[in-house]
Structures are given as structure tokens and as C-alpha cells.
PDB file of all heavy atoms in Angstrom:
ATOM      1  N   VAL A   1     -11.777   8.619  13.236  1.00  0.00           N
ATOM      2  CA  VAL A   1     -12.191   9.735  12.404  1.00  0.00           C
ATOM      3  C   VAL A   1     -13.697   9.649  12.206  1.00  0.00           C
ATOM      4  O   VAL A   1     -14.262   8.559  12.105  1.00  0.00           O
ATOM      5  CB  VAL A   1     -11.443   9.743  11.053  1.00  0.00           C
ATOM      6  CG1 VAL A   1     -11.752   8.492  10.235  1.00  0.00           C
ATOM      7  CG2 VAL A   1     -11.767  11.005  10.259  1.00  0.00           C
ATOM      8  N   TYR A   2     -14.340  10.802  12.156  1.00  0.00           N
ATOM      9  CA  TYR A   2     -15.779  10.885  12.022  1.00  0.00           C
ATOM     10  C   TYR A   2     -16.137  11.715  10.795  1.00  0.00           C
ATOM     11  O   TYR A   2     -15.395  12.586  10.369  1.00  0.00           O
ATOM     12  CB  TYR A   2     -16.415  11.545  13.243  1.00  0.00           C
ATOM     13  CG  TYR A   2     -16.053  10.911  14.557  1.00  0.00           C
ATOM     14  CD1 TYR A   2     -14.977  11.384  15.307  1.00  0.00           C
ATOM     15  CD2 TYR A   2     -16.789   9.838  15.062  1.00  0.00           C
ATOM     16  CE1 TYR A   2     -14.644  10.807  16.518  1.00  0.00           C
ATOM     17  CE2 TYR A   2     -16.462   9.258  16.273  1.00  0.00           C
ATOM     18  CZ  TYR A   2     -15.385   9.751  16.999  1.00  0.00           C
ATOM     19  OH  TYR A   2     -15.062   9.170  18.204  1.00  0.00           O
ATOM     20  N   LEU A   3     -17.300  11.443  10.274  1.00  0.00           N
ATOM     21  CA  LEU A   3     -17.860  12.273   9.221  1.00  0.00           C
ATOM     22  C   LEU A   3     -19.318  12.539   9.558  1.00  0.00           C
ATOM     23  O   LEU A   3     -20.153  11.637   9.473  1.00  0.00           O
ATOM     24  CB  LEU A   3     -17.745  11.607   7.850  1.00  0.00           C
ATOM     25  CG  LEU A   3     -18.195  12.469   6.666  1.00  0.00           C
ATOM     26  CD1 LEU A   3     -17.240  13.645   6.473  1.00  0.00           C
ATOM     27  CD2 LEU A   3     -18.285  11.636   5.392  1.00  0.00           C
ATOM     28  N   GLN A   4     -19.595  13.761   9.946  1.00  0.00           N
ATOM     29  CA  GLN A   4     -20.963  14.182  10.199  1.00  0.00           C
ATOM     30  C   GLN A   4     -21.549  14.686   8.892  1.00  0.00           C
ATOM     31  O   GLN A   4     -21.037  15.637   8.304  1.00  0.00           O
ATOM     32  CB  GLN A   4     -21.007  15.283  11.258  1.00  0.00           C
ATOM     33  CG  GLN A   4     -22.401  15.814  11.553  1.00  0.00           C
ATOM     34  CD  GLN A   4     -23.306  14.786  12.188  1.00  0.00           C
ATOM     35  OE1 GLN A   4     -22.905  14.120  13.142  1.00  0.00           O
ATOM     36  NE2 GLN A   4     -24.515  14.638  11.666  1.00  0.00           N
ATOM     37  N   MET A   5     -22.616  14.060   8.453  1.00  0.00           N
ATOM     38  CA  MET A   5     -23.230  14.380   7.180  1.00  0.00           C
ATOM     39  C   MET A   5     -24.626  14.931   7.433  1.00  0.00           C
ATOM     40  O   MET A   5     -25.500  14.221   7.937  1.00  0.00           O
ATOM     41  CB  MET A   5     -23.303  13.150   6.278  1.00  0.00           C
ATOM     42  CG  MET A   5     -21.947  12.498   6.026  1.00  0.00           C
ATOM     43  SD  MET A   5     -22.039  11.117   4.854  1.00  0.00           S
ATOM     44  CE  MET A   5     -23.011   9.963   5.822  1.00  0.00           C
ATOM     45  N   ASN A   6     -24.827  16.178   7.079  1.00  0.00           N
ATOM     46  CA  ASN A   6     -26.110  16.839   7.242  1.00  0.00           C
ATOM     47  C   ASN A   6     -26.689  17.212   5.886  1.00  0.00           C
ATOM     48  O   ASN A   6     -25.980  17.297   4.891  1.00  0.00           O
ATOM     49  CB  ASN A   6     -25.960  18.098   8.106  1.00  0.00           C
ATOM     50  CG  ASN A   6     -25.489  17.812   9.505  1.00  0.00           C
ATOM     51  OD1 ASN A   6     -25.822  16.785  10.088  1.00  0.00           O
ATOM     52  ND2 ASN A   6     -24.711  18.738  10.068  1.00  0.00           N
ATOM     53  N   THR A   7     -27.979  17.464   5.885  1.00  0.00           N
ATOM     54  CA  THR A   7     -28.681  17.876   4.674  1.00  0.00           C
ATOM     55  C   THR A   7     -28.323  16.963   3.507  1.00  0.00           C
ATOM     56  O   THR A   7     -27.933  17.412   2.424  1.00  0.00           O
ATOM     57  CB  THR A   7     -28.367  19.345   4.329  1.00  0.00           C
ATOM     58  OG1 THR A   7     -28.333  20.141   5.526  1.00  0.00           O
ATOM     59  CG2 THR A   7     -29.452  19.923   3.416  1.00  0.00           C
ATOM     60  N   LEU A   8     -28.463  15.688   3.742  1.00  0.00           N
ATOM     61  CA  LEU A   8     -28.073  14.704   2.742  1.00  0.00           C
ATOM     62  C   LEU A   8     -28.942  14.794   1.494  1.00  0.00           C
ATOM     63  O   LEU A   8     -30.146  15.040   1.566  1.00  0.00           O
ATOM     64  CB  LEU A   8     -28.135  13.302   3.330  1.00  0.00           C
ATOM     65  CG  LEU A   8     -26.949  12.956   4.237  1.00  0.00           C
ATOM     66  CD1 LEU A   8     -27.285  11.791   5.150  1.00  0.00           C
ATOM     67  CD2 LEU A   8     -25.719  12.630   3.390  1.00  0.00           C
ATOM     68  N   LYS A   9     -28.305  14.578   0.371  1.00  0.00           N
ATOM     69  CA  LYS A   9     -28.952  14.616  -0.929  1.00  0.00           C
ATOM     70  C   LYS A   9     -28.860  13.244  -1.585  1.00  0.00           C
ATOM     71  O   LYS A   9     -27.976  12.459  -1.257  1.00  0.00           O
ATOM     72  CB  LYS A   9     -28.270  15.651  -1.829  1.00  0.00           C
ATOM     73  CG  LYS A   9     -28.217  17.054  -1.261  1.00  0.00           C
ATOM     74  CD  LYS A   9     -27.420  17.976  -2.178  1.00  0.00           C
ATOM     75  CE  LYS A   9     -27.350  19.383  -1.628  1.00  0.00           C
ATOM     76  NZ  LYS A   9     -26.555  20.277  -2.516  1.00  0.00           N
ATOM     77  N   PRO A  10     -29.752  12.956  -2.519  1.00  0.00           N
ATOM     78  CA  PRO A  10     -29.660  11.663  -3.209  1.00  0.00           C
ATOM     79  C   PRO A  10     -28.300  11.416  -3.853  1.00  0.00           C
ATOM     80  O   PRO A  10     -27.844  10.272  -3.885  1.00  0.00           O
ATOM     81  CB  PRO A  10     -30.768  11.755  -4.260  1.00  0.00           C
ATOM     82  CG  PRO A  10     -31.775  12.663  -3.643  1.00  0.00           C
ATOM     83  CD  PRO A  10     -30.967  13.697  -2.893  1.00  0.00           C
ATOM     84  N   GLU A  11     -27.658  12.457  -4.336  1.00  0.00           N
ATOM     85  CA  GLU A  11     -26.359  12.286  -4.964  1.00  0.00           C
ATOM     86  C   GLU A  11     -25.248  11.952  -3.976  1.00  0.00           C
ATOM     87  O   GLU A  11     -24.130  11.624  -4.388  1.00  0.00           O
ATOM     88  CB  GLU A  11     -25.975  13.528  -5.779  1.00  0.00           C
ATOM     89  CG  GLU A  11     -26.090  14.834  -5.015  1.00  0.00           C
ATOM     90  CD  GLU A  11     -27.395  15.561  -5.287  1.00  0.00           C
ATOM     91  OE1 GLU A  11     -28.455  14.892  -5.309  1.00  0.00           O
ATOM     92  OE2 GLU A  11     -27.366  16.794  -5.481  1.00  0.00           O
ATOM     93  N   ASP A  12     -25.542  12.027  -2.680  1.00  0.00           N
ATOM     94  CA  ASP A  12     -24.583  11.606  -1.669  1.00  0.00           C
ATOM     95  C   ASP A  12     -24.569  10.098  -1.475  1.00  0.00           C
ATOM     96  O   ASP A  12     -23.691   9.576  -0.779  1.00  0.00           O
ATOM     97  CB  ASP A  12     -24.883  12.273  -0.322  1.00  0.00           C
ATOM     98  CG  ASP A  12     -24.694  13.777  -0.350  1.00  0.00           C
ATOM     99  OD1 ASP A  12     -23.717  14.250  -0.953  1.00  0.00           O
ATOM    100  OD2 ASP A  12     -25.536  14.484   0.249  1.00  0.00           O
ATOM    101  N   ALA A  13     -25.539   9.413  -2.026  1.00  0.00           N
ATOM    102  CA  ALA A  13     -25.609   7.964  -1.877  1.00  0.00           C
ATOM    103  C   ALA A  13     -24.377   7.314  -2.488  1.00  0.00           C
ATOM    104  O   ALA A  13     -24.029   7.576  -3.644  1.00  0.00           O
ATOM    105  CB  ALA A  13     -26.878   7.419  -2.522  1.00  0.00           C
ATOM    106  N   ALA A  14     -23.715   6.492  -1.717  1.00  0.00           N
ATOM    107  CA  ALA A  14     -22.476   5.864  -2.160  1.00  0.00           C
ATOM    108  C   ALA A  14     -21.994   4.915  -1.082  1.00  0.00           C
ATOM    109  O   ALA A  14     -22.527   4.876   0.029  1.00  0.00           O
ATOM    110  CB  ALA A  14     -21.404   6.920  -2.440  1.00  0.00           C
ATOM    111  N   VAL A  15     -20.973   4.164  -1.422  1.00  0.00           N
ATOM    112  CA  VAL A  15     -20.219   3.437  -0.418  1.00  0.00           C
ATOM    113  C   VAL A  15     -19.110   4.360   0.060  1.00  0.00           C
ATOM    114  O   VAL A  15     -18.345   4.892  -0.748  1.00  0.00           O
ATOM    115  CB  VAL A  15     -19.627   2.128  -0.960  1.00  0.00           C
ATOM    116  CG1 VAL A  15     -18.788   1.437   0.108  1.00  0.00           C
ATOM    117  CG2 VAL A  15     -20.749   1.209  -1.434  1.00  0.00           C
ATOM    118  N   TYR A  16     -19.053   4.558   1.349  1.00  0.00           N
ATOM    119  CA  TYR A  16     -18.074   5.453   1.935  1.00  0.00           C
ATOM    120  C   TYR A  16     -16.937   4.656   2.559  1.00  0.00           C
ATOM    121  O   TYR A  16     -17.166   3.699   3.304  1.00  0.00           O
ATOM    122  CB  TYR A  16     -18.729   6.337   3.000  1.00  0.00           C
ATOM    123  CG  TYR A  16     -19.545   7.461   2.416  1.00  0.00           C
ATOM    124  CD1 TYR A  16     -20.746   7.204   1.765  1.00  0.00           C
ATOM    125  CD2 TYR A  16     -19.115   8.785   2.505  1.00  0.00           C
ATOM    126  CE1 TYR A  16     -21.494   8.229   1.208  1.00  0.00           C
ATOM    127  CE2 TYR A  16     -19.858   9.816   1.957  1.00  0.00           C
ATOM    128  CZ  TYR A  16     -21.048   9.534   1.311  1.00  0.00           C
ATOM    129  OH  TYR A  16     -21.789  10.555   0.769  1.00  0.00           O
ATOM    130  N   TYR A  17     -15.730   5.067   2.259  1.00  0.00           N
ATOM    131  CA  TYR A  17     -14.530   4.408   2.758  1.00  0.00           C
ATOM    132  C   TYR A  17     -13.695   5.387   3.566  1.00  0.00           C
ATOM    133  O   TYR A  17     -13.468   6.513   3.129  1.00  0.00           O
ATOM    134  CB  TYR A  17     -13.660   3.887   1.612  1.00  0.00           C
ATOM    135  CG  TYR A  17     -14.334   2.888   0.705  1.00  0.00           C
ATOM    136  CD1 TYR A  17     -15.036   3.307  -0.417  1.00  0.00           C
ATOM    137  CD2 TYR A  17     -14.244   1.524   0.967  1.00  0.00           C
ATOM    138  CE1 TYR A  17     -15.648   2.395  -1.261  1.00  0.00           C
ATOM    139  CE2 TYR A  17     -14.852   0.605   0.133  1.00  0.00           C
ATOM    140  CZ  TYR A  17     -15.552   1.043  -0.981  1.00  0.00           C
ATOM    141  OH  TYR A  17     -16.151   0.130  -1.818  1.00  0.00           O
ATOM    142  N   CYS A  18     -13.231   4.942   4.698  1.00  0.00           N
ATOM    143  CA  CYS A  18     -12.292   5.771   5.450  1.00  0.00           C
ATOM    144  C   CYS A  18     -10.870   5.343   5.132  1.00  0.00           C
ATOM    145  O   CYS A  18     -10.613   4.212   4.704  1.00  0.00           O
ATOM    146  CB  CYS A  18     -12.554   5.706   6.954  1.00  0.00           C
ATOM    147  SG  CYS A  18     -12.268   4.098   7.726  1.00  0.00           S
ATOM    148  N   SER A  19      -9.959   6.257   5.332  1.00  0.00           N
ATOM    149  CA  SER A  19      -8.556   5.980   5.110  1.00  0.00           C
ATOM    150  C   SER A  19      -7.736   6.528   6.265  1.00  0.00           C
ATOM    151  O   SER A  19      -8.135   7.479   6.934  1.00  0.00           O
ATOM    152  CB  SER A  19      -8.069   6.593   3.793  1.00  0.00           C
ATOM    153  OG  SER A  19      -8.069   8.013   3.866  1.00  0.00           O
ATOM    154  N   ALA A  20      -6.591   5.919   6.474  1.00  0.00           N
ATOM    155  CA  ALA A  20      -5.665   6.385   7.490  1.00  0.00           C
ATOM    156  C   ALA A  20      -4.251   6.211   6.976  1.00  0.00           C
ATOM    157  O   ALA A  20      -3.880   5.130   6.510  1.00  0.00           O
ATOM    158  CB  ALA A  20      -5.854   5.619   8.798  1.00  0.00           C
ATOM    159  N   ASP A  21      -3.490   7.275   7.046  1.00  0.00           N
ATOM    160  CA  ASP A  21      -2.083   7.223   6.670  1.00  0.00           C
ATOM    161  C   ASP A  21      -1.290   6.938   7.936  1.00  0.00           C
ATOM    162  O   ASP A  21      -1.063   7.830   8.752  1.00  0.00           O
ATOM    163  CB  ASP A  21      -1.643   8.525   6.026  1.00  0.00           C
ATOM    164  CG  ASP A  21      -2.352   8.785   4.719  1.00  0.00           C
ATOM    165  OD1 ASP A  21      -2.874   7.817   4.130  1.00  0.00           O
ATOM    166  OD2 ASP A  21      -2.391   9.945   4.279  1.00  0.00           O
ATOM    167  N   VAL A  22      -0.893   5.691   8.082  1.00  0.00           N
ATOM    168  CA  VAL A  22      -0.301   5.208   9.318  1.00  0.00           C
ATOM    169  C   VAL A  22       1.212   5.307   9.249  1.00  0.00           C
ATOM    170  O   VAL A  22       1.838   4.840   8.290  1.00  0.00           O
ATOM    171  CB  VAL A  22      -0.727   3.758   9.606  1.00  0.00           C
ATOM    172  CG1 VAL A  22      -0.077   3.253  10.888  1.00  0.00           C
ATOM    173  CG2 VAL A  22      -2.240   3.667   9.705  1.00  0.00           C
ATOM    174  N   LEU A  23       1.774   5.900  10.271  1.00  0.00           N
ATOM    175  CA  LEU A  23       3.220   6.025  10.377  1.00  0.00           C
ATOM    176  C   LEU A  23       3.778   4.856  11.168  1.00  0.00           C
ATOM    177  O   LEU A  23       3.348   4.597  12.297  1.00  0.00           O
ATOM    178  CB  LEU A  23       3.591   7.342  11.055  1.00  0.00           C
ATOM    179  CG  LEU A  23       5.083   7.594  11.282  1.00  0.00           C
ATOM    180  CD1 LEU A  23       5.806   7.793   9.955  1.00  0.00           C
ATOM    181  CD2 LEU A  23       5.281   8.812  12.186  1.00  0.00           C
ATOM    182  N   PHE A  24       4.719   4.151  10.581  1.00  0.00           N
ATOM    183  CA  PHE A  24       5.397   3.047  11.240  1.00  0.00           C
ATOM    184  C   PHE A  24       6.829   3.445  11.545  1.00  0.00           C
ATOM    185  O   PHE A  24       7.557   3.894  10.660  1.00  0.00           O
ATOM    186  CB  PHE A  24       5.396   1.794  10.364  1.00  0.00           C
ATOM    187  CG  PHE A  24       4.033   1.223  10.124  1.00  0.00           C
ATOM    188  CD1 PHE A  24       3.297   1.592   9.011  1.00  0.00           C
ATOM    189  CD2 PHE A  24       3.487   0.309  11.017  1.00  0.00           C
ATOM    190  CE1 PHE A  24       2.045   1.069   8.786  1.00  0.00           C
ATOM    191  CE2 PHE A  24       2.229  -0.220  10.794  1.00  0.00           C
ATOM    192  CZ  PHE A  24       1.507   0.160   9.685  1.00  0.00           C
ATOM    193  N   ARG A  25       7.218   3.274  12.780  1.00  0.00           N
ATOM    194  CA  ARG A  25       8.578   3.553  13.200  1.00  0.00           C
ATOM    195  C   ARG A  25       9.406   2.289  13.015  1.00  0.00           C
ATOM    196  O   ARG A  25       9.198   1.292  13.706  1.00  0.00           O
ATOM    197  CB  ARG A  25       8.611   4.007  14.652  1.00  0.00           C
ATOM    198  CG  ARG A  25       9.990   4.413  15.147  1.00  0.00           C
ATOM    199  CD  ARG A  25      10.461   5.692  14.468  1.00  0.00           C
ATOM    200  NE  ARG A  25       9.580   6.807  14.775  1.00  0.00           N
ATOM    201  CZ  ARG A  25       9.653   8.000  14.193  1.00  0.00           C
ATOM    202  NH1 ARG A  25      10.566   8.228  13.265  1.00  0.00           N
ATOM    203  NH2 ARG A  25       8.813   8.956  14.539  1.00  0.00           N
ATOM    204  N   LEU A  26      10.314   2.309  12.082  1.00  0.00           N
ATOM    205  CA  LEU A  26      11.137   1.148  11.776  1.00  0.00           C
ATOM    206  C   LEU A  26      12.411   1.097  12.592  1.00  0.00           C
ATOM    207  O   LEU A  26      13.000   0.031  12.763  1.00  0.00           O
ATOM    208  CB  LEU A  26      11.483   1.132  10.287  1.00  0.00           C
ATOM    209  CG  LEU A  26      10.287   1.160   9.334  1.00  0.00           C
ATOM    210  CD1 LEU A  26      10.769   1.176   7.894  1.00  0.00           C
ATOM    211  CD2 LEU A  26       9.371  -0.022   9.590  1.00  0.00           C
ATOM    212  N   GLY A  27      12.840   2.211  13.064  1.00  0.00           N
ATOM    213  CA  GLY A  27      14.048   2.321  13.852  1.00  0.00           C
ATOM    214  C   GLY A  27      14.345   3.788  14.086  1.00  0.00           C
ATOM    215  O   GLY A  27      13.566   4.662  13.698  1.00  0.00           O
ATOM    216  N   VAL A  28      15.460   4.030  14.702  1.00  0.00           N
ATOM    217  CA  VAL A  28      15.855   5.409  14.966  1.00  0.00           C
ATOM    218  C   VAL A  28      16.075   6.137  13.645  1.00  0.00           C
ATOM    219  O   VAL A  28      16.899   5.722  12.825  1.00  0.00           O
ATOM    220  CB  VAL A  28      17.115   5.470  15.833  1.00  0.00           C
ATOM    221  CG1 VAL A  28      17.543   6.914  16.040  1.00  0.00           C
ATOM    222  CG2 VAL A  28      16.882   4.777  17.169  1.00  0.00           C
ATOM    223  N   GLY A  29      15.312   7.190  13.441  1.00  0.00           N
ATOM    224  CA  GLY A  29      15.441   7.979  12.232  1.00  0.00           C
ATOM    225  C   GLY A  29      14.950   7.299  10.977  1.00  0.00           C
ATOM    226  O   GLY A  29      15.281   7.740   9.869  1.00  0.00           O
ATOM    227  N   ASN A  30      14.132   6.263  11.127  1.00  0.00           N
ATOM    228  CA  ASN A  30      13.658   5.505   9.979  1.00  0.00           C
ATOM    229  C   ASN A  30      12.179   5.193  10.152  1.00  0.00           C
ATOM    230  O   ASN A  30      11.793   4.527  11.111  1.00  0.00           O
ATOM    231  CB  ASN A  30      14.455   4.209   9.825  1.00  0.00           C
ATOM    232  CG  ASN A  30      14.167   3.491   8.529  1.00  0.00           C
ATOM    233  OD1 ASN A  30      13.524   4.036   7.632  1.00  0.00           O
ATOM    234  ND2 ASN A  30      14.646   2.255   8.418  1.00  0.00           N
ATOM    235  N   SER A  31      11.359   5.660   9.230  1.00  0.00           N
ATOM    236  CA  SER A  31       9.929   5.426   9.309  1.00  0.00           C
ATOM    237  C   SER A  31       9.311   5.371   7.921  1.00  0.00           C
ATOM    238  O   SER A  31       9.903   5.823   6.943  1.00  0.00           O
ATOM    239  CB  SER A  31       9.244   6.512  10.145  1.00  0.00           C
ATOM    240  OG  SER A  31       9.390   7.779   9.539  1.00  0.00           O
ATOM    241  N   ARG A  32       8.132   4.796   7.852  1.00  0.00           N
ATOM    242  CA  ARG A  32       7.369   4.722   6.605  1.00  0.00           C
ATOM    243  C   ARG A  32       5.906   5.006   6.898  1.00  0.00           C
ATOM    244  O   ARG A  32       5.411   4.707   7.984  1.00  0.00           O
ATOM    245  CB  ARG A  32       7.492   3.336   5.955  1.00  0.00           C
ATOM    246  CG  ARG A  32       8.852   3.029   5.371  1.00  0.00           C
ATOM    247  CD  ARG A  32       9.083   3.814   4.094  1.00  0.00           C
ATOM    248  NE  ARG A  32      10.342   3.461   3.460  1.00  0.00           N
ATOM    249  CZ  ARG A  32      10.488   2.503   2.561  1.00  0.00           C
ATOM    250  NH1 ARG A  32       9.436   1.769   2.179  1.00  0.00           N
ATOM    251  NH2 ARG A  32      11.673   2.256   2.040  1.00  0.00           N
ATOM    252  N   THR A  33       5.220   5.557   5.921  1.00  0.00           N
ATOM    253  CA  THR A  33       3.798   5.815   6.023  1.00  0.00           C
ATOM    254  C   THR A  33       3.064   5.003   4.966  1.00  0.00           C
ATOM    255  O   THR A  33       3.426   5.041   3.788  1.00  0.00           O
ATOM    256  CB  THR A  33       3.482   7.308   5.844  1.00  0.00           C
ATOM    257  OG1 THR A  33       4.164   8.064   6.846  1.00  0.00           O
ATOM    258  CG2 THR A  33       1.986   7.556   5.971  1.00  0.00           C
ATOM    259  N   LEU A  34       2.044   4.274   5.393  1.00  0.00           N
ATOM    260  CA  LEU A  34       1.225   3.474   4.502  1.00  0.00           C
ATOM    261  C   LEU A  34      -0.237   3.848   4.669  1.00  0.00           C
ATOM    262  O   LEU A  34      -0.692   4.125   5.781  1.00  0.00           O
ATOM    263  CB  LEU A  34       1.403   1.981   4.777  1.00  0.00           C
ATOM    264  CG  LEU A  34       2.787   1.383   4.543  1.00  0.00           C
ATOM    265  CD1 LEU A  34       2.798  -0.081   4.966  1.00  0.00           C
ATOM    266  CD2 LEU A  34       3.187   1.522   3.089  1.00  0.00           C
ATOM    267  N   ARG A  35      -0.967   3.837   3.563  1.00  0.00           N
ATOM    268  CA  ARG A  35      -2.390   4.132   3.619  1.00  0.00           C
ATOM    269  C   ARG A  35      -3.202   2.856   3.776  1.00  0.00           C
ATOM    270  O   ARG A  35      -3.035   1.900   2.999  1.00  0.00           O
ATOM    271  CB  ARG A  35      -2.841   4.886   2.371  1.00  0.00           C
ATOM    272  CG  ARG A  35      -4.344   5.110   2.315  1.00  0.00           C
ATOM    273  CD  ARG A  35      -4.732   6.192   1.348  1.00  0.00           C
ATOM    274  NE  ARG A  35      -4.300   7.499   1.828  1.00  0.00           N
ATOM    275  CZ  ARG A  35      -4.559   8.643   1.205  1.00  0.00           C
ATOM    276  NH1 ARG A  35      -5.227   8.639   0.068  1.00  0.00           N
ATOM    277  NH2 ARG A  35      -4.127   9.791   1.712  1.00  0.00           N
TER     278      ARG A  35
END
């Protein structure tokens, strides 16, 4: 995943974190999503 940041302002200053909601296939018809 990308984040293109243009026209940056001082208030944009921060620590930026990415997230992913990952789907795990546990078996047939059985899955879980974790962030």
C-alpha cells in the first residue's frame, strides 16, 4: 500500500503507521481476519 502525500503542511507531521487486514484461511469455509 502506498500513500502519496502532496502539498504537505506542518500539521501533517506525525508518525505514520500502515495497517493491513489479513485474511487467514483456517479450513474449508473457515477464516479469520486480523489487523
